[in-house]
Amino acid sequence: MNLSFFDQFLSPSLLGIPLIALAIMIPWMMFPTPSNRWLSNRLTALQSSFINRFTYQLMQPLNLGGHKWATILTALMLFLITINLLGLLPYTFTPTTQLSLNMALALPLWLTTVLIGMFNQPTITLGHLLPEGTPTPLIPILIIIETISLFIRPLALGVRLTANLTAGHLLMQLIATAAFVLITIMPTVALLTSLILFLLTILEVAVAMIQAYVFVLLLSLYLQENV
C-alpha cells in the first residue's frame, strides 16, 4: 500500500475510535505528582525551577490583574511543549499539527482577553482600533483595517503553530526517506543525508519548544492590552 507523506498527520484510530483524545491526555500523565516535601527529586526540582522562571518572565510585563492568568498560561505552555516534543518520537502522533485543536485553544483564550478589555476598560480597548492623530479621511479605513487585524489574531495563532510543526515533520520525513533509498545506491550520500537529518531533528526540538513559547507569549501580549 502506497502511503502519502501527509498520512502521518491523520488521527490514529483503534476499532474506529479516534485516539487523539488519548494523545492529548498522555502529556498530563508524565508530570511528577505533587509532594509534601520541599524537594523530592532532581526532576521535580528542575521542573519547579523552569515553571517559576517562565511564569516570572511571562507575568513581569503584566499588572496585578493579569497575574490571575499565570496558572492557565503556564499549564498551556507545559501542555504544548510536551505534546510537541512527544510528536518527534517515532510512531507517534502530534495533535498540534491539527488546525482544529490549535484553533480550539487559540479562539476561546483570545476571545476571553477581548471580553475582559471590553468589560473593564471599553474606551481603551476600542481606542486600539483608531491610532491617535489619524487624519479624518482615513478614520473609516483604519477602523476597518484594525478590526480585521483584531479578528485575524486567533487564526494567526493557530495557523502559525500548525504550519511550523507540519513543515518540520514533512521535511524530516522527506530527508529520512531519501536516506533510506540512497543507503543501497550511494552509502556516502546516505550517510551525509542522515547527518543532515540528525541536525534537523535537533532544530525541530528547538522549534517545538519555541513555537509553544511564542503561542503563550502572544496570548500574554493580547492580555496585556486589555488589563
C-alpha atoms as a PDB file:
ATOM      1  CA  MET A   1       0.000   0.000   0.000  1.00  0.00           C
ATOM      2  CA  ASN A   2       1.390   3.376  -1.004  1.00  0.00           C
ATOM      3  CA  LEU A   3       1.309   5.931   1.788  1.00  0.00           C
ATOM      4  CA  SER A   4       1.254   9.685   1.337  1.00  0.00           C
ATOM      5  CA  PHE A   5       3.626  11.959   3.213  1.00  0.00           C
ATOM      6  CA  PHE A   6       0.573  13.559   4.806  1.00  0.00           C
ATOM      7  CA  ASP A   7      -0.700  10.278   6.264  1.00  0.00           C
ATOM      8  CA  GLN A   8       1.391  10.919   9.368  1.00  0.00           C
ATOM      9  CA  PHE A   9      -0.951  13.794  10.229  1.00  0.00           C
ATOM     10  CA  LEU A  10      -4.077  11.618  10.223  1.00  0.00           C
ATOM     11  CA  SER A  11      -5.558  10.991  13.641  1.00  0.00           C
ATOM     12  CA  PRO A  12      -4.876   7.353  14.615  1.00  0.00           C
ATOM     13  CA  SER A  13      -7.845   5.162  15.435  1.00  0.00           C
ATOM     14  CA  LEU A  14      -8.471   1.843  17.121  1.00  0.00           C
ATOM     15  CA  LEU A  15     -11.608  -0.093  16.178  1.00  0.00           C
ATOM     16  CA  GLY A  16     -12.879   3.074  14.511  1.00  0.00           C
ATOM     17  CA  ILE A  17     -12.378   5.181  17.665  1.00  0.00           C
ATOM     18  CA  PRO A  18     -10.072   8.235  17.205  1.00  0.00           C
ATOM     19  CA  LEU A  19      -7.142   8.154  19.617  1.00  0.00           C
ATOM     20  CA  ILE A  20      -6.462  11.897  19.539  1.00  0.00           C
ATOM     21  CA  ALA A  21      -8.054  12.193  22.998  1.00  0.00           C
ATOM     22  CA  LEU A  22      -5.530   9.682  24.356  1.00  0.00           C
ATOM     23  CA  ALA A  23      -2.677  11.581  22.681  1.00  0.00           C
ATOM     24  CA  ILE A  24      -3.858  14.769  24.390  1.00  0.00           C
ATOM     25  CA  MET A  25      -4.192  13.170  27.848  1.00  0.00           C
ATOM     26  CA  ILE A  26      -0.841  11.349  27.895  1.00  0.00           C
ATOM     27  CA  PRO A  27       1.308  14.508  28.477  1.00  0.00           C
ATOM     28  CA  TRP A  28      -0.522  15.237  31.733  1.00  0.00           C
ATOM     29  CA  MET A  29       0.345  11.741  32.994  1.00  0.00           C
ATOM     30  CA  MET A  30       4.073  12.344  32.538  1.00  0.00           C
ATOM     31  CA  PHE A  31       4.442  15.183  35.029  1.00  0.00           C
ATOM     32  CA  PRO A  32       5.634  14.259  38.546  1.00  0.00           C
ATOM     33  CA  THR A  33       2.891  14.147  41.160  1.00  0.00           C
ATOM     34  CA  PRO A  34       2.974  16.878  43.842  1.00  0.00           C
ATOM     35  CA  SER A  35       4.792  16.054  47.065  1.00  0.00           C
ATOM     36  CA  ASN A  36       4.639  17.469  50.591  1.00  0.00           C
ATOM     37  CA  ARG A  37       8.434  17.662  50.733  1.00  0.00           C
ATOM     38  CA  TRP A  38      10.349  20.748  49.613  1.00  0.00           C
ATOM     39  CA  LEU A  39      12.354  18.830  47.009  1.00  0.00           C
ATOM     40  CA  SER A  40      11.503  15.217  46.235  1.00  0.00           C
ATOM     41  CA  ASN A  41      13.973  14.559  43.393  1.00  0.00           C
ATOM     42  CA  ARG A  42      16.064  16.291  40.744  1.00  0.00           C
ATOM     43  CA  LEU A  43      13.320  16.077  38.107  1.00  0.00           C
ATOM     44  CA  THR A  44      10.814  17.879  40.311  1.00  0.00           C
ATOM     45  CA  ALA A  45      13.414  20.495  41.274  1.00  0.00           C
ATOM     46  CA  LEU A  46      14.260  21.102  37.600  1.00  0.00           C
ATOM     47  CA  GLN A  47      10.585  21.309  36.670  1.00  0.00           C
ATOM     48  CA  SER A  48       9.822  23.737  39.506  1.00  0.00           C
ATOM     49  CA  SER A  49      12.752  25.945  38.521  1.00  0.00           C
ATOM     50  CA  PHE A  50      11.618  26.033  34.886  1.00  0.00           C
ATOM     51  CA  ILE A  51       7.996  26.803  35.788  1.00  0.00           C
ATOM     52  CA  ASN A  52       8.982  29.556  38.225  1.00  0.00           C
ATOM     53  CA  ARG A  53      11.354  31.180  35.741  1.00  0.00           C
ATOM     54  CA  PHE A  54       8.869  31.011  32.882  1.00  0.00           C
ATOM     55  CA  THR A  55       5.999  32.358  34.989  1.00  0.00           C
ATOM     56  CA  TYR A  56       8.171  35.243  36.203  1.00  0.00           C
ATOM     57  CA  GLN A  57       9.194  36.212  32.665  1.00  0.00           C
ATOM     58  CA  LEU A  58       5.620  35.913  31.400  1.00  0.00           C
ATOM     59  CA  MET A  59       3.927  37.858  34.191  1.00  0.00           C
ATOM     60  CA  GLN A  60       6.562  40.586  34.636  1.00  0.00           C
ATOM     61  CA  PRO A  61       5.104  42.979  31.993  1.00  0.00           C
ATOM     62  CA  LEU A  62       1.513  42.482  33.252  1.00  0.00           C
ATOM     63  CA  ASN A  63      -0.185  44.324  36.082  1.00  0.00           C
ATOM     64  CA  LEU A  64      -1.727  42.531  39.055  1.00  0.00           C
ATOM     65  CA  GLY A  65      -4.990  41.918  37.188  1.00  0.00           C
ATOM     66  CA  GLY A  66      -3.182  39.836  34.588  1.00  0.00           C
ATOM     67  CA  HIS A  67      -1.428  37.694  37.203  1.00  0.00           C
ATOM     68  CA  LYS A  68      -4.647  35.705  37.595  1.00  0.00           C
ATOM     69  CA  TRP A  69      -3.785  34.114  34.245  1.00  0.00           C
ATOM     70  CA  ALA A  70      -0.452  32.726  35.469  1.00  0.00           C
ATOM     71  CA  THR A  71      -1.787  29.230  36.128  1.00  0.00           C
ATOM     72  CA  ILE A  72      -3.619  28.748  32.840  1.00  0.00           C
ATOM     73  CA  LEU A  73      -0.818  30.202  30.694  1.00  0.00           C
ATOM     74  CA  THR A  74       1.877  28.141  32.429  1.00  0.00           C
ATOM     75  CA  ALA A  75      -0.219  24.970  32.139  1.00  0.00           C
ATOM     76  CA  LEU A  76      -0.831  25.694  28.445  1.00  0.00           C
ATOM     77  CA  MET A  77       2.893  26.201  27.896  1.00  0.00           C
ATOM     78  CA  LEU A  78       3.777  22.859  29.528  1.00  0.00           C
ATOM     79  CA  PHE A  79       0.985  21.122  27.623  1.00  0.00           C
ATOM     80  CA  LEU A  80       2.130  22.424  24.214  1.00  0.00           C
ATOM     81  CA  ILE A  81       5.817  21.762  24.848  1.00  0.00           C
ATOM     82  CA  THR A  82       5.166  18.180  25.952  1.00  0.00           C
ATOM     83  CA  ILE A  83       2.870  17.398  23.019  1.00  0.00           C
ATOM     84  CA  ASN A  84       5.283  18.948  20.505  1.00  0.00           C
ATOM     85  CA  LEU A  85       8.281  17.048  21.856  1.00  0.00           C
ATOM     86  CA  LEU A  86       6.439  13.724  22.110  1.00  0.00           C
ATOM     87  CA  GLY A  87       5.394  14.150  18.486  1.00  0.00           C
ATOM     88  CA  LEU A  88       9.063  13.980  17.426  1.00  0.00           C
ATOM     89  CA  LEU A  89       9.354  10.383  18.652  1.00  0.00           C
ATOM     90  CA  PRO A  90       8.967   7.590  16.061  1.00  0.00           C
ATOM     91  CA  TYR A  91       5.494   6.112  15.548  1.00  0.00           C
ATOM     92  CA  THR A  92       3.779   8.912  17.476  1.00  0.00           C
ATOM     93  CA  PHE A  93       1.038  11.375  16.600  1.00  0.00           C
ATOM     94  CA  THR A  94       1.283  15.131  17.130  1.00  0.00           C
ATOM     95  CA  PRO A  95      -2.147  16.630  17.954  1.00  0.00           C
ATOM     96  CA  THR A  96      -0.820  20.173  17.481  1.00  0.00           C
ATOM     97  CA  THR A  97      -0.409  19.533  13.735  1.00  0.00           C
ATOM     98  CA  GLN A  98      -4.220  19.660  13.591  1.00  0.00           C
ATOM     99  CA  LEU A  99      -5.530  23.172  12.938  1.00  0.00           C
ATOM    100  CA  SER A 100      -8.798  22.299  14.677  1.00  0.00           C
ATOM    101  CA  LEU A 101      -7.038  21.663  18.008  1.00  0.00           C
ATOM    102  CA  ASN A 102      -4.901  24.795  17.784  1.00  0.00           C
ATOM    103  CA  MET A 103      -7.914  26.947  16.932  1.00  0.00           C
ATOM    104  CA  ALA A 104      -9.835  25.362  19.811  1.00  0.00           C
ATOM    105  CA  LEU A 105      -7.052  26.598  22.113  1.00  0.00           C
ATOM    106  CA  ALA A 106      -6.470  29.992  20.488  1.00  0.00           C
ATOM    107  CA  LEU A 107     -10.013  31.210  19.820  1.00  0.00           C
ATOM    108  CA  PRO A 108     -11.537  30.941  23.335  1.00  0.00           C
ATOM    109  CA  LEU A 109      -8.452  32.390  25.049  1.00  0.00           C
ATOM    110  CA  TRP A 110      -8.203  35.294  22.588  1.00  0.00           C
ATOM    111  CA  LEU A 111     -11.932  35.989  22.887  1.00  0.00           C
ATOM    112  CA  THR A 112     -11.651  35.988  26.675  1.00  0.00           C
ATOM    113  CA  THR A 113      -8.901  38.630  26.593  1.00  0.00           C
ATOM    114  CA  VAL A 114     -11.038  40.819  24.298  1.00  0.00           C
ATOM    115  CA  LEU A 115     -14.123  40.455  26.511  1.00  0.00           C
ATOM    116  CA  ILE A 116     -12.079  41.311  29.607  1.00  0.00           C
ATOM    117  CA  GLY A 117     -10.939  44.515  27.923  1.00  0.00           C
ATOM    118  CA  MET A 118     -14.461  45.388  26.788  1.00  0.00           C
ATOM    119  CA  PHE A 119     -15.867  44.967  30.307  1.00  0.00           C
ATOM    120  CA  ASN A 120     -13.015  46.526  32.308  1.00  0.00           C
ATOM    121  CA  GLN A 121     -11.839  49.349  30.028  1.00  0.00           C
ATOM    122  CA  PRO A 122     -14.084  49.657  26.959  1.00  0.00           C
ATOM    123  CA  THR A 123     -12.788  53.104  25.974  1.00  0.00           C
ATOM    124  CA  ILE A 124      -9.142  51.997  25.865  1.00  0.00           C
ATOM    125  CA  THR A 125      -9.996  48.715  24.133  1.00  0.00           C
ATOM    126  CA  LEU A 126     -11.992  50.438  21.406  1.00  0.00           C
ATOM    127  CA  GLY A 127      -9.299  53.116  21.198  1.00  0.00           C
ATOM    128  CA  HIS A 128      -6.885  50.462  19.878  1.00  0.00           C
ATOM    129  CA  LEU A 129      -8.954  50.396  16.685  1.00  0.00           C
ATOM    130  CA  LEU A 130      -8.041  54.007  15.895  1.00  0.00           C
ATOM    131  CA  PRO A 131      -4.451  55.287  16.401  1.00  0.00           C
ATOM    132  CA  GLU A 132      -4.154  58.752  17.922  1.00  0.00           C
ATOM    133  CA  GLY A 133      -3.671  61.608  15.466  1.00  0.00           C
ATOM    134  CA  THR A 134      -5.231  59.801  12.494  1.00  0.00           C
ATOM    135  CA  PRO A 135      -6.388  62.195   9.717  1.00  0.00           C
ATOM    136  CA  THR A 136     -10.174  62.394   9.460  1.00  0.00           C
ATOM    137  CA  PRO A 137     -10.472  60.959   5.893  1.00  0.00           C
ATOM    138  CA  LEU A 138      -8.520  57.852   6.955  1.00  0.00           C
ATOM    139  CA  ILE A 139     -10.582  57.093  10.074  1.00  0.00           C
ATOM    140  CA  PRO A 140     -13.125  54.684   8.447  1.00  0.00           C
ATOM    141  CA  ILE A 141     -10.396  52.818   6.560  1.00  0.00           C
ATOM    142  CA  LEU A 142      -8.153  52.426   9.615  1.00  0.00           C
ATOM    143  CA  ILE A 143     -11.037  51.228  11.783  1.00  0.00           C
ATOM    144  CA  ILE A 144     -11.845  48.525   9.217  1.00  0.00           C
ATOM    145  CA  ILE A 145      -8.175  47.512   8.926  1.00  0.00           C
ATOM    146  CA  GLU A 146      -7.650  47.369  12.699  1.00  0.00           C
ATOM    147  CA  THR A 147     -10.878  45.390  13.151  1.00  0.00           C
ATOM    148  CA  ILE A 148      -9.777  42.834  10.567  1.00  0.00           C
ATOM    149  CA  SER A 149      -6.358  42.701  12.223  1.00  0.00           C
ATOM    150  CA  LEU A 150      -8.030  42.045  15.581  1.00  0.00           C
ATOM    151  CA  PHE A 151     -10.130  39.147  14.297  1.00  0.00           C
ATOM    152  CA  ILE A 152      -7.176  37.608  12.441  1.00  0.00           C
ATOM    153  CA  ARG A 153      -5.204  37.173  15.675  1.00  0.00           C
ATOM    154  CA  PRO A 154      -6.632  33.789  16.738  1.00  0.00           C
ATOM    155  CA  LEU A 155      -6.298  32.476  13.180  1.00  0.00           C
ATOM    156  CA  ALA A 156      -2.663  33.582  13.117  1.00  0.00           C
ATOM    157  CA  LEU A 157      -2.037  31.836  16.443  1.00  0.00           C
ATOM    158  CA  GLY A 158      -3.456  28.537  15.250  1.00  0.00           C
ATOM    159  CA  VAL A 159      -2.014  28.609  11.734  1.00  0.00           C
ATOM    160  CA  ARG A 160       1.478  29.577  12.957  1.00  0.00           C
ATOM    161  CA  LEU A 161       1.714  26.613  15.303  1.00  0.00           C
ATOM    162  CA  THR A 162       0.196  24.193  12.780  1.00  0.00           C
ATOM    163  CA  ALA A 163       2.327  25.335   9.832  1.00  0.00           C
ATOM    164  CA  ASN A 164       5.658  25.271  11.665  1.00  0.00           C
ATOM    165  CA  LEU A 165       5.156  21.799  13.116  1.00  0.00           C
ATOM    166  CA  THR A 166       3.710  20.386   9.893  1.00  0.00           C
ATOM    167  CA  ALA A 167       6.560  21.773   7.786  1.00  0.00           C
ATOM    168  CA  GLY A 168       9.159  20.362  10.180  1.00  0.00           C
ATOM    169  CA  HIS A 169       7.609  16.887  10.216  1.00  0.00           C
ATOM    170  CA  LEU A 170       7.305  16.825   6.421  1.00  0.00           C
ATOM    171  CA  LEU A 171      10.910  17.879   5.944  1.00  0.00           C
ATOM    172  CA  MET A 172      12.138  15.232   8.383  1.00  0.00           C
ATOM    173  CA  GLN A 173      10.135  12.538   6.596  1.00  0.00           C
ATOM    174  CA  LEU A 174      11.425  13.628   3.178  1.00  0.00           C
ATOM    175  CA  ILE A 175      15.056  13.534   4.301  1.00  0.00           C
ATOM    176  CA  ALA A 176      14.578  10.216   6.121  1.00  0.00           C
ATOM    177  CA  THR A 177      13.002   8.696   3.003  1.00  0.00           C
ATOM    178  CA  ALA A 178      15.887   9.956   0.864  1.00  0.00           C
ATOM    179  CA  ALA A 179      18.448   8.474   3.270  1.00  0.00           C
ATOM    180  CA  PHE A 180      16.639   5.116   3.259  1.00  0.00           C
ATOM    181  CA  VAL A 181      16.504   4.989  -0.551  1.00  0.00           C
ATOM    182  CA  LEU A 182      20.143   6.063  -1.037  1.00  0.00           C
ATOM    183  CA  ILE A 183      21.653   3.698   1.525  1.00  0.00           C
ATOM    184  CA  THR A 184      21.997   0.859  -1.027  1.00  0.00           C
ATOM    185  CA  ILE A 185      22.830   3.054  -4.014  1.00  0.00           C
ATOM    186  CA  MET A 186      25.169   5.711  -2.592  1.00  0.00           C
ATOM    187  CA  PRO A 187      26.117   4.905   1.021  1.00  0.00           C
ATOM    188  CA  THR A 188      28.270   8.035   1.356  1.00  0.00           C
ATOM    189  CA  VAL A 189      25.461  10.328   0.293  1.00  0.00           C
ATOM    190  CA  ALA A 190      23.063   8.412   2.542  1.00  0.00           C
ATOM    191  CA  LEU A 191      25.412   8.943   5.497  1.00  0.00           C
ATOM    192  CA  LEU A 192      25.587  12.653   4.757  1.00  0.00           C
ATOM    193  CA  THR A 193      21.795  12.774   4.464  1.00  0.00           C
ATOM    194  CA  SER A 194      21.485  11.008   7.824  1.00  0.00           C
ATOM    195  CA  LEU A 195      23.764  13.609   9.380  1.00  0.00           C
ATOM    196  CA  ILE A 196      21.538  16.365   7.985  1.00  0.00           C
ATOM    197  CA  LEU A 197      18.524  14.530   9.408  1.00  0.00           C
ATOM    198  CA  PHE A 198      20.181  14.423  12.844  1.00  0.00           C
ATOM    199  CA  LEU A 199      20.878  18.158  12.773  1.00  0.00           C
ATOM    200  CA  LEU A 200      17.334  18.829  11.556  1.00  0.00           C
ATOM    201  CA  THR A 201      15.948  16.773  14.439  1.00  0.00           C
ATOM    202  CA  ILE A 202      17.846  18.941  16.916  1.00  0.00           C
ATOM    203  CA  LEU A 203      16.465  22.020  15.164  1.00  0.00           C
ATOM    204  CA  GLU A 204      12.928  20.618  15.367  1.00  0.00           C
ATOM    205  CA  VAL A 205      13.301  20.075  19.099  1.00  0.00           C
ATOM    206  CA  ALA A 206      14.122  23.774  19.418  1.00  0.00           C
ATOM    207  CA  VAL A 207      11.238  24.712  17.098  1.00  0.00           C
ATOM    208  CA  ALA A 208       8.809  22.607  19.151  1.00  0.00           C
ATOM    209  CA  MET A 209       9.732  24.487  22.325  1.00  0.00           C
ATOM    210  CA  ILE A 210       9.937  27.916  20.680  1.00  0.00           C
ATOM    211  CA  GLN A 211       6.535  27.612  19.000  1.00  0.00           C
ATOM    212  CA  ALA A 212       4.889  26.654  22.292  1.00  0.00           C
ATOM    213  CA  TYR A 213       6.532  29.656  23.949  1.00  0.00           C
ATOM    214  CA  VAL A 214       5.507  32.019  21.124  1.00  0.00           C
ATOM    215  CA  PHE A 215       1.894  30.798  21.304  1.00  0.00           C
ATOM    216  CA  VAL A 216       1.653  31.572  25.023  1.00  0.00           C
ATOM    217  CA  LEU A 217       3.693  34.786  24.744  1.00  0.00           C
ATOM    218  CA  LEU A 218       1.352  36.236  22.125  1.00  0.00           C
ATOM    219  CA  LEU A 219      -1.638  35.381  24.298  1.00  0.00           C
ATOM    220  CA  SER A 220       0.006  37.229  27.189  1.00  0.00           C
ATOM    221  CA  LEU A 221       0.597  40.256  24.925  1.00  0.00           C
ATOM    222  CA  TYR A 222      -3.066  40.258  23.907  1.00  0.00           C
ATOM    223  CA  LEU A 223      -3.950  40.067  27.600  1.00  0.00           C
ATOM    224  CA  GLN A 224      -1.593  42.950  28.379  1.00  0.00           C
ATOM    225  CA  GLU A 225      -3.557  45.195  26.011  1.00  0.00           C
ATOM    226  CA  ASN A 226      -6.826  44.501  27.825  1.00  0.00           C
ATOM    227  CA  VAL A 227      -5.989  44.516  31.550  1.00  0.00           C
END
